[in-house]
Structures are given as structure tokens and as C-alpha cells.
Amino acid sequence: MQITLLNYTKLNICAHAIRTCWQSFEKGDNGGEKDKELIYRVGNKFKHASTLEHLHYTFYIQGISRATLQELARHRIASLSVKSTRYTLKELKNTESFLPLNEVNFSRAGKFLVFTQNKAVDKASVQALENLRLLLQENISNDLVKFAMPESYKTELTWSINARSLQNFLHLRSSKSALWEIRNLAFALFESLPNEHKFLFEECVGEE
């Protein structure tokens, strides 16, 4: 899993939005400590969280499973642009067989699959990957072949989300009851945030 923060809104934009309500622009310090205290007090302490929607973050997320992608889709106040199976399954078509199920072929399959460390599940994933590869060689359309894809198949996406929704995501998905992979994603997203923004999310992140 690899997370790259592509873009984010500067804190002074959120502070400006808050100060619009009271017309207190002269008290701002362009995203400095005064503005940070204001954002925390209004957005986090007093829960006027709509003000946090002025902060946006765009991440490039690589190497997650399609199972975790499905979980991400449940967080609706976000935008997802996902690697297309229609156009990219050629990456698998001309690959050599993943059988027999030995250490070398498991290592090769790791390019395409997220492993769970459960041997039975991981063996089934590699077998499904091999089945997928064989279907592709029969020149069946990618749109049909993808119905046979294992949920462990790796994907990537560009993901944009506002601070309010990201708080909700981190609160839910860093929980010890969350799926292990999306929990790892939650911690990785938090770590990739700009240091000056982390104060907004620290209370939302559970213990690792």
C-alpha cells in the first residue's frame, strides 16, 4: 500500500470561511496559530463541522484490494477515480502461469494480489488469479472477465475528500473492529496529512 497526498487546501481558507460568519477577518493570521485555534474550537470542540468542509484533500492510493475499494465506496462524501479493469487487465493477460502454488509463484502473484496471511485464503486467491489469466487468454472481453476477479486483486485510485468526511472515515476505520486492510489505510492516510493539519484529526484516530 502506498499513499501520496497530491493536493490539499490551506488552513487560511477554512479560517476565512469561519470568520465570514462574524466578519472578523482582521483577527486572522493567515493560517497561523490564531486561525488553527479558531478552526479547532469551531469545527472540533463546538461541532460546527460544516466549516471543515472547506478543507479538501486529494490522495493517490495504490496497492489496496478491491475488497477495501468496496469499503471506501461506502463513504459517500468523497470522489473516487479508480483504475479501470476494462482498460488495464492486459497487465495480467500475457503473464506466465501462477501454478504450481509454490513460493516463487506466490511472490509473483503478489504483484497483483493483496495477501491476508491466511494460507487457505491466499491459496484460493492465487488460484482465482490463475483462472482469471486463463480467461483473458481466451479473448473474452474484459467487461465479462472481471466478474471472475478475486476481491484480493490490487487496484488504485485518486480519492478526494473534505476534512469533515475524513474525520468520520478515520474515526470509523481506525477502530480495532475495522477490516485490517482499511484500518492500515486509515493510519497511512493520517500520516500522509500535512503536519499543520493533523491537529484536526488526532482525536479521530484510534490506537494502532
C-alpha atoms as a PDB file:
ATOM      1  CA  MET A   1       0.000   0.000   0.000  1.00  0.00           C
ATOM      2  CA  GLN A   2       1.293   3.432  -0.946  1.00  0.00           C
ATOM      3  CA  ILE A   3      -0.339   6.782  -0.190  1.00  0.00           C
ATOM      4  CA  THR A   4       0.599  10.045  -1.888  1.00  0.00           C
ATOM      5  CA  LEU A   5      -1.006  13.344  -0.879  1.00  0.00           C
ATOM      6  CA  LEU A   6      -1.453  15.148  -4.196  1.00  0.00           C
ATOM      7  CA  ASN A   7      -3.119  18.348  -3.041  1.00  0.00           C
ATOM      8  CA  TYR A   8      -4.769  19.998  -0.043  1.00  0.00           C
ATOM      9  CA  THR A   9      -6.486  23.225   0.955  1.00  0.00           C
ATOM     10  CA  LYS A  10      -4.553  25.670   3.102  1.00  0.00           C
ATOM     11  CA  LEU A  11      -5.868  26.286   6.601  1.00  0.00           C
ATOM     12  CA  ASN A  12      -6.414  30.005   5.983  1.00  0.00           C
ATOM     13  CA  ILE A  13      -9.288  29.115   3.602  1.00  0.00           C
ATOM     14  CA  CYS A  14     -11.167  27.329   6.386  1.00  0.00           C
ATOM     15  CA  ALA A  15     -10.404  30.154   8.827  1.00  0.00           C
ATOM     16  CA  HIS A  16     -11.691  32.664   6.276  1.00  0.00           C
ATOM     17  CA  ALA A  17     -14.921  30.696   5.937  1.00  0.00           C
ATOM     18  CA  ILE A  18     -15.415  30.707   9.714  1.00  0.00           C
ATOM     19  CA  ARG A  19     -14.577  34.391  10.039  1.00  0.00           C
ATOM     20  CA  THR A  20     -17.075  35.156   7.297  1.00  0.00           C
ATOM     21  CA  CYS A  21     -19.822  34.352   9.815  1.00  0.00           C
ATOM     22  CA  TRP A  22     -18.662  37.034  12.285  1.00  0.00           C
ATOM     23  CA  GLN A  23     -16.854  39.308   9.806  1.00  0.00           C
ATOM     24  CA  SER A  24     -13.747  39.032  11.998  1.00  0.00           C
ATOM     25  CA  PHE A  25     -11.167  38.844   9.218  1.00  0.00           C
ATOM     26  CA  GLU A  26      -8.868  41.335  10.967  1.00  0.00           C
ATOM     27  CA  LYS A  27      -8.261  38.784  13.738  1.00  0.00           C
ATOM     28  CA  GLY A  28      -6.813  36.175  11.382  1.00  0.00           C
ATOM     29  CA  ASP A  29      -3.144  35.298  10.968  1.00  0.00           C
ATOM     30  CA  ASN A  30      -3.176  33.576   7.544  1.00  0.00           C
ATOM     31  CA  GLY A  31      -3.433  30.015   8.814  1.00  0.00           C
ATOM     32  CA  GLY A  32      -1.213  30.558  11.856  1.00  0.00           C
ATOM     33  CA  GLU A  33      -1.820  29.653  15.483  1.00  0.00           C
ATOM     34  CA  LYS A  34      -4.801  32.012  15.894  1.00  0.00           C
ATOM     35  CA  ASP A  35      -6.548  30.530  12.884  1.00  0.00           C
ATOM     36  CA  LYS A  36      -5.728  26.963  13.962  1.00  0.00           C
ATOM     37  CA  GLU A  37      -7.194  27.613  17.412  1.00  0.00           C
ATOM     38  CA  LEU A  38     -10.324  29.038  15.801  1.00  0.00           C
ATOM     39  CA  ILE A  39     -10.722  26.098  13.423  1.00  0.00           C
ATOM     40  CA  TYR A  40     -10.290  23.584  16.235  1.00  0.00           C
ATOM     41  CA  ARG A  41     -12.676  25.421  18.573  1.00  0.00           C
ATOM     42  CA  VAL A  42     -15.425  25.910  15.991  1.00  0.00           C
ATOM     43  CA  GLY A  43     -15.035  22.696  13.988  1.00  0.00           C
ATOM     44  CA  ASN A  44     -13.993  20.170  16.631  1.00  0.00           C
ATOM     45  CA  LYS A  45     -14.948  21.485  20.061  1.00  0.00           C
ATOM     46  CA  PHE A  46     -18.276  23.138  19.226  1.00  0.00           C
ATOM     47  CA  LYS A  47     -19.002  20.703  16.352  1.00  0.00           C
ATOM     48  CA  HIS A  48     -19.881  23.324  13.729  1.00  0.00           C
ATOM     49  CA  ALA A  49     -18.295  20.800  11.412  1.00  0.00           C
ATOM     50  CA  SER A  50     -19.735  22.192   8.185  1.00  0.00           C
ATOM     51  CA  THR A  51     -16.916  24.750   8.360  1.00  0.00           C
ATOM     52  CA  LEU A  52     -14.421  21.892   7.933  1.00  0.00           C
ATOM     53  CA  GLU A  53     -15.940  21.075   4.557  1.00  0.00           C
ATOM     54  CA  HIS A  54     -13.900  23.939   3.097  1.00  0.00           C
ATOM     55  CA  LEU A  55     -10.750  21.851   3.592  1.00  0.00           C
ATOM     56  CA  HIS A  56     -10.147  19.272   0.861  1.00  0.00           C
ATOM     57  CA  TYR A  57      -7.505  16.589   0.431  1.00  0.00           C
ATOM     58  CA  THR A  58      -6.645  14.576  -2.663  1.00  0.00           C
ATOM     59  CA  PHE A  59      -4.749  11.305  -2.262  1.00  0.00           C
ATOM     60  CA  TYR A  60      -3.318   8.818  -4.720  1.00  0.00           C
ATOM     61  CA  ILE A  61      -3.902   5.397  -3.135  1.00  0.00           C
ATOM     62  CA  GLN A  62      -2.032   2.427  -4.631  1.00  0.00           C
ATOM     63  CA  GLY A  63      -1.962  -1.274  -3.841  1.00  0.00           C
ATOM     64  CA  ILE A  64      -5.232  -1.793  -1.985  1.00  0.00           C
ATOM     65  CA  SER A  65      -7.565  -4.707  -2.657  1.00  0.00           C
ATOM     66  CA  ARG A  66     -10.875  -4.397  -4.446  1.00  0.00           C
ATOM     67  CA  ALA A  67     -12.436  -5.545  -1.165  1.00  0.00           C
ATOM     68  CA  THR A  68     -11.151  -2.389   0.507  1.00  0.00           C
ATOM     69  CA  LEU A  69     -12.180  -0.313  -2.520  1.00  0.00           C
ATOM     70  CA  GLN A  70     -15.717  -1.555  -1.918  1.00  0.00           C
ATOM     71  CA  GLU A  71     -15.489  -0.394   1.696  1.00  0.00           C
ATOM     72  CA  LEU A  72     -14.237   3.012   0.562  1.00  0.00           C
ATOM     73  CA  ALA A  73     -17.290   3.406  -1.657  1.00  0.00           C
ATOM     74  CA  ARG A  74     -19.477   3.403   1.446  1.00  0.00           C
ATOM     75  CA  HIS A  75     -18.048   6.791   2.390  1.00  0.00           C
ATOM     76  CA  ARG A  76     -20.213   8.763   0.020  1.00  0.00           C
ATOM     77  CA  ILE A  77     -18.987  12.319   0.571  1.00  0.00           C
ATOM     78  CA  ALA A  78     -15.825  11.672  -1.391  1.00  0.00           C
ATOM     79  CA  SER A  79     -14.787  11.426  -5.027  1.00  0.00           C
ATOM     80  CA  LEU A  80     -13.161   8.294  -6.445  1.00  0.00           C
ATOM     81  CA  SER A  81     -11.421   7.843  -9.799  1.00  0.00           C
ATOM     82  CA  VAL A  82     -10.452   4.177  -9.956  1.00  0.00           C
ATOM     83  CA  LYS A  83      -8.071   2.179 -12.134  1.00  0.00           C
ATOM     84  CA  SER A  84     -10.262   0.672 -14.850  1.00  0.00           C
ATOM     85  CA  THR A  85     -10.377  -3.102 -15.271  1.00  0.00           C
ATOM     86  CA  ARG A  86     -11.822  -2.595 -18.749  1.00  0.00           C
ATOM     87  CA  TYR A  87      -8.591  -0.995 -19.942  1.00  0.00           C
ATOM     88  CA  THR A  88      -5.888  -2.413 -17.663  1.00  0.00           C
ATOM     89  CA  LEU A  89      -6.436  -6.173 -17.370  1.00  0.00           C
ATOM     90  CA  LYS A  90      -3.924  -6.614 -20.197  1.00  0.00           C
ATOM     91  CA  GLU A  91      -1.319  -6.357 -17.428  1.00  0.00           C
ATOM     92  CA  LEU A  92      -2.250  -9.936 -16.500  1.00  0.00           C
ATOM     93  CA  LYS A  93      -3.046 -11.487 -19.890  1.00  0.00           C
ATOM     94  CA  ASN A  94       0.489 -12.302 -21.045  1.00  0.00           C
ATOM     95  CA  THR A  95       1.851 -13.279 -17.648  1.00  0.00           C
ATOM     96  CA  GLU A  96       3.125 -16.817 -17.121  1.00  0.00           C
ATOM     97  CA  SER A  97       1.101 -19.340 -15.104  1.00  0.00           C
ATOM     98  CA  PHE A  98       0.939 -18.994 -11.315  1.00  0.00           C
ATOM     99  CA  LEU A  99       0.846 -22.766 -10.915  1.00  0.00           C
ATOM    100  CA  PRO A 100       2.094 -24.740  -9.125  1.00  0.00           C
ATOM    101  CA  LEU A 101       1.345 -22.950  -5.867  1.00  0.00           C
ATOM    102  CA  ASN A 102       4.910 -22.549  -4.661  1.00  0.00           C
ATOM    103  CA  GLU A 103       6.941 -19.763  -3.080  1.00  0.00           C
ATOM    104  CA  VAL A 104       8.139 -18.328  -6.386  1.00  0.00           C
ATOM    105  CA  ASN A 105       4.648 -18.121  -7.874  1.00  0.00           C
ATOM    106  CA  PHE A 106       3.207 -16.682  -4.674  1.00  0.00           C
ATOM    107  CA  SER A 107       5.837 -13.967  -4.862  1.00  0.00           C
ATOM    108  CA  ARG A 108       4.923 -13.249  -8.495  1.00  0.00           C
ATOM    109  CA  ALA A 109       1.219 -13.178  -7.640  1.00  0.00           C
ATOM    110  CA  GLY A 110       1.957 -10.513  -5.030  1.00  0.00           C
ATOM    111  CA  LYS A 111       2.237  -8.012  -7.877  1.00  0.00           C
ATOM    112  CA  PHE A 112      -1.499  -8.453  -8.463  1.00  0.00           C
ATOM    113  CA  LEU A 113      -2.926  -9.542  -5.103  1.00  0.00           C
ATOM    114  CA  VAL A 114      -3.198  -8.339  -1.522  1.00  0.00           C
ATOM    115  CA  PHE A 115      -2.440 -11.288   0.732  1.00  0.00           C
ATOM    116  CA  THR A 116      -4.146 -11.867   4.089  1.00  0.00           C
ATOM    117  CA  GLN A 117      -1.534 -14.120   5.744  1.00  0.00           C
ATOM    118  CA  ASN A 118      -4.202 -16.841   5.917  1.00  0.00           C
ATOM    119  CA  LYS A 119      -2.756 -19.667   3.829  1.00  0.00           C
ATOM    120  CA  ALA A 120      -6.068 -21.120   2.718  1.00  0.00           C
ATOM    121  CA  VAL A 121      -7.448 -17.748   1.623  1.00  0.00           C
ATOM    122  CA  ASP A 122      -4.219 -16.742  -0.111  1.00  0.00           C
ATOM    123  CA  LYS A 123      -4.015 -20.052  -1.987  1.00  0.00           C
ATOM    124  CA  ALA A 124      -7.594 -19.564  -3.197  1.00  0.00           C
ATOM    125  CA  SER A 125      -6.709 -16.027  -4.324  1.00  0.00           C
ATOM    126  CA  VAL A 126      -3.767 -17.233  -6.397  1.00  0.00           C
ATOM    127  CA  GLN A 127      -5.899 -19.964  -7.942  1.00  0.00           C
ATOM    128  CA  ALA A 128      -8.545 -17.353  -8.798  1.00  0.00           C
ATOM    129  CA  LEU A 129      -5.828 -15.179 -10.315  1.00  0.00           C
ATOM    130  CA  GLU A 130      -4.738 -18.084 -12.499  1.00  0.00           C
ATOM    131  CA  ASN A 131      -8.352 -18.692 -13.567  1.00  0.00           C
ATOM    132  CA  LEU A 132      -8.632 -15.014 -14.467  1.00  0.00           C
ATOM    133  CA  ARG A 133      -5.428 -15.191 -16.512  1.00  0.00           C
ATOM    134  CA  LEU A 134      -6.705 -18.184 -18.459  1.00  0.00           C
ATOM    135  CA  LEU A 135      -9.997 -16.454 -19.234  1.00  0.00           C
ATOM    136  CA  LEU A 136      -8.120 -13.450 -20.591  1.00  0.00           C
ATOM    137  CA  GLN A 137      -6.155 -15.703 -22.922  1.00  0.00           C
ATOM    138  CA  GLU A 138      -9.438 -16.926 -24.385  1.00  0.00           C
ATOM    139  CA  ASN A 139     -10.022 -13.359 -25.627  1.00  0.00           C
ATOM    140  CA  ILE A 140     -13.208 -12.928 -23.614  1.00  0.00           C
ATOM    141  CA  SER A 141     -13.936  -9.232 -23.132  1.00  0.00           C
ATOM    142  CA  ASN A 142     -12.521  -7.602 -20.024  1.00  0.00           C
ATOM    143  CA  ASP A 143     -16.016  -6.492 -19.031  1.00  0.00           C
ATOM    144  CA  LEU A 144     -17.034 -10.138 -18.718  1.00  0.00           C
ATOM    145  CA  VAL A 145     -13.773 -11.484 -17.336  1.00  0.00           C
ATOM    146  CA  LYS A 146     -13.802  -9.064 -14.410  1.00  0.00           C
ATOM    147  CA  PHE A 147     -16.760 -10.956 -12.942  1.00  0.00           C
ATOM    148  CA  ALA A 148     -14.235 -13.675 -12.104  1.00  0.00           C
ATOM    149  CA  MET A 149     -11.780 -11.311 -10.367  1.00  0.00           C
ATOM    150  CA  PRO A 150     -10.894 -12.112  -6.763  1.00  0.00           C
ATOM    151  CA  GLU A 151     -11.602  -9.338  -4.262  1.00  0.00           C
ATOM    152  CA  SER A 152      -7.931  -9.523  -3.319  1.00  0.00           C
ATOM    153  CA  TYR A 153      -6.962  -8.110  -6.749  1.00  0.00           C
ATOM    154  CA  LYS A 154      -4.961  -4.900  -6.331  1.00  0.00           C
ATOM    155  CA  THR A 155      -6.264  -1.593  -7.545  1.00  0.00           C
ATOM    156  CA  GLU A 156      -5.501   2.106  -7.191  1.00  0.00           C
ATOM    157  CA  LEU A 157      -7.438   5.333  -7.197  1.00  0.00           C
ATOM    158  CA  THR A 158      -7.340   9.076  -6.786  1.00  0.00           C
ATOM    159  CA  TRP A 159      -9.502   9.938  -3.774  1.00  0.00           C
ATOM    160  CA  SER A 160     -10.688  13.417  -2.807  1.00  0.00           C
ATOM    161  CA  ILE A 161     -12.437  14.099   0.477  1.00  0.00           C
ATOM    162  CA  ASN A 162     -13.231  17.052   2.732  1.00  0.00           C
ATOM    163  CA  ALA A 163     -11.981  17.289   6.314  1.00  0.00           C
ATOM    164  CA  ARG A 164     -15.366  16.629   7.899  1.00  0.00           C
ATOM    165  CA  SER A 165     -15.820  13.392   5.957  1.00  0.00           C
ATOM    166  CA  LEU A 166     -12.203  12.416   6.538  1.00  0.00           C
ATOM    167  CA  GLN A 167     -12.733  12.774  10.290  1.00  0.00           C
ATOM    168  CA  ASN A 168     -15.669  10.391  10.039  1.00  0.00           C
ATOM    169  CA  PHE A 169     -13.637   7.960   7.927  1.00  0.00           C
ATOM    170  CA  LEU A 170     -10.692   7.953  10.329  1.00  0.00           C
ATOM    171  CA  HIS A 171     -12.954   7.535  13.355  1.00  0.00           C
ATOM    172  CA  LEU A 172     -14.712   4.504  11.886  1.00  0.00           C
ATOM    173  CA  ARG A 173     -11.862   2.862  10.006  1.00  0.00           C
ATOM    174  CA  SER A 174      -9.063   3.187  12.562  1.00  0.00           C
ATOM    175  CA  SER A 175     -11.197   1.249  15.030  1.00  0.00           C
ATOM    176  CA  LYS A 176      -9.878  -2.147  16.093  1.00  0.00           C
ATOM    177  CA  SER A 177     -13.124  -3.628  14.792  1.00  0.00           C
ATOM    178  CA  ALA A 178     -12.451  -2.391  11.236  1.00  0.00           C
ATOM    179  CA  LEU A 179     -11.188  -4.614   8.419  1.00  0.00           C
ATOM    180  CA  TRP A 180      -7.409  -4.868   8.914  1.00  0.00           C
ATOM    181  CA  GLU A 181      -6.552  -3.508   5.469  1.00  0.00           C
ATOM    182  CA  ILE A 182      -8.770  -0.435   5.633  1.00  0.00           C
ATOM    183  CA  ARG A 183      -7.515   0.133   9.187  1.00  0.00           C
ATOM    184  CA  ASN A 184      -3.971   0.227   7.829  1.00  0.00           C
ATOM    185  CA  LEU A 185      -5.208   2.612   5.153  1.00  0.00           C
ATOM    186  CA  ALA A 186      -6.723   4.922   7.768  1.00  0.00           C
ATOM    187  CA  PHE A 187      -3.438   5.197   9.654  1.00  0.00           C
ATOM    188  CA  ALA A 188      -1.495   5.697   6.434  1.00  0.00           C
ATOM    189  CA  LEU A 189      -3.838   8.486   5.307  1.00  0.00           C
ATOM    190  CA  PHE A 190      -3.447  10.244   8.643  1.00  0.00           C
ATOM    191  CA  GLU A 191       0.341  10.011   8.463  1.00  0.00           C
ATOM    192  CA  SER A 192       0.354  11.468   4.943  1.00  0.00           C
ATOM    193  CA  LEU A 193      -1.519  14.606   6.020  1.00  0.00           C
ATOM    194  CA  PRO A 194       0.426  17.866   6.358  1.00  0.00           C
ATOM    195  CA  ASN A 195       1.733  18.195   9.919  1.00  0.00           C
ATOM    196  CA  GLU A 196      -0.042  21.511  10.373  1.00  0.00           C
ATOM    197  CA  HIS A 197      -3.393  19.817   9.630  1.00  0.00           C
ATOM    198  CA  LYS A 198      -3.066  16.781  11.905  1.00  0.00           C
ATOM    199  CA  PHE A 199      -4.473  18.608  14.945  1.00  0.00           C
ATOM    200  CA  LEU A 200      -7.901  18.358  13.302  1.00  0.00           C
ATOM    201  CA  PHE A 201      -7.778  14.557  13.120  1.00  0.00           C
ATOM    202  CA  GLU A 202      -5.758  13.365  16.109  1.00  0.00           C
ATOM    203  CA  GLU A 203      -8.865  12.764  18.214  1.00  0.00           C
ATOM    204  CA  CYS A 204     -10.423  10.701  15.414  1.00  0.00           C
ATOM    205  CA  VAL A 205      -7.608   8.165  15.113  1.00  0.00           C
ATOM    206  CA  GLY A 206      -7.636   5.081  17.327  1.00  0.00           C
ATOM    207  CA  GLU A 207      -4.635   3.339  18.810  1.00  0.00           C
ATOM    208  CA  GLU A 208      -2.567   1.175  16.454  1.00  0.00           C
END
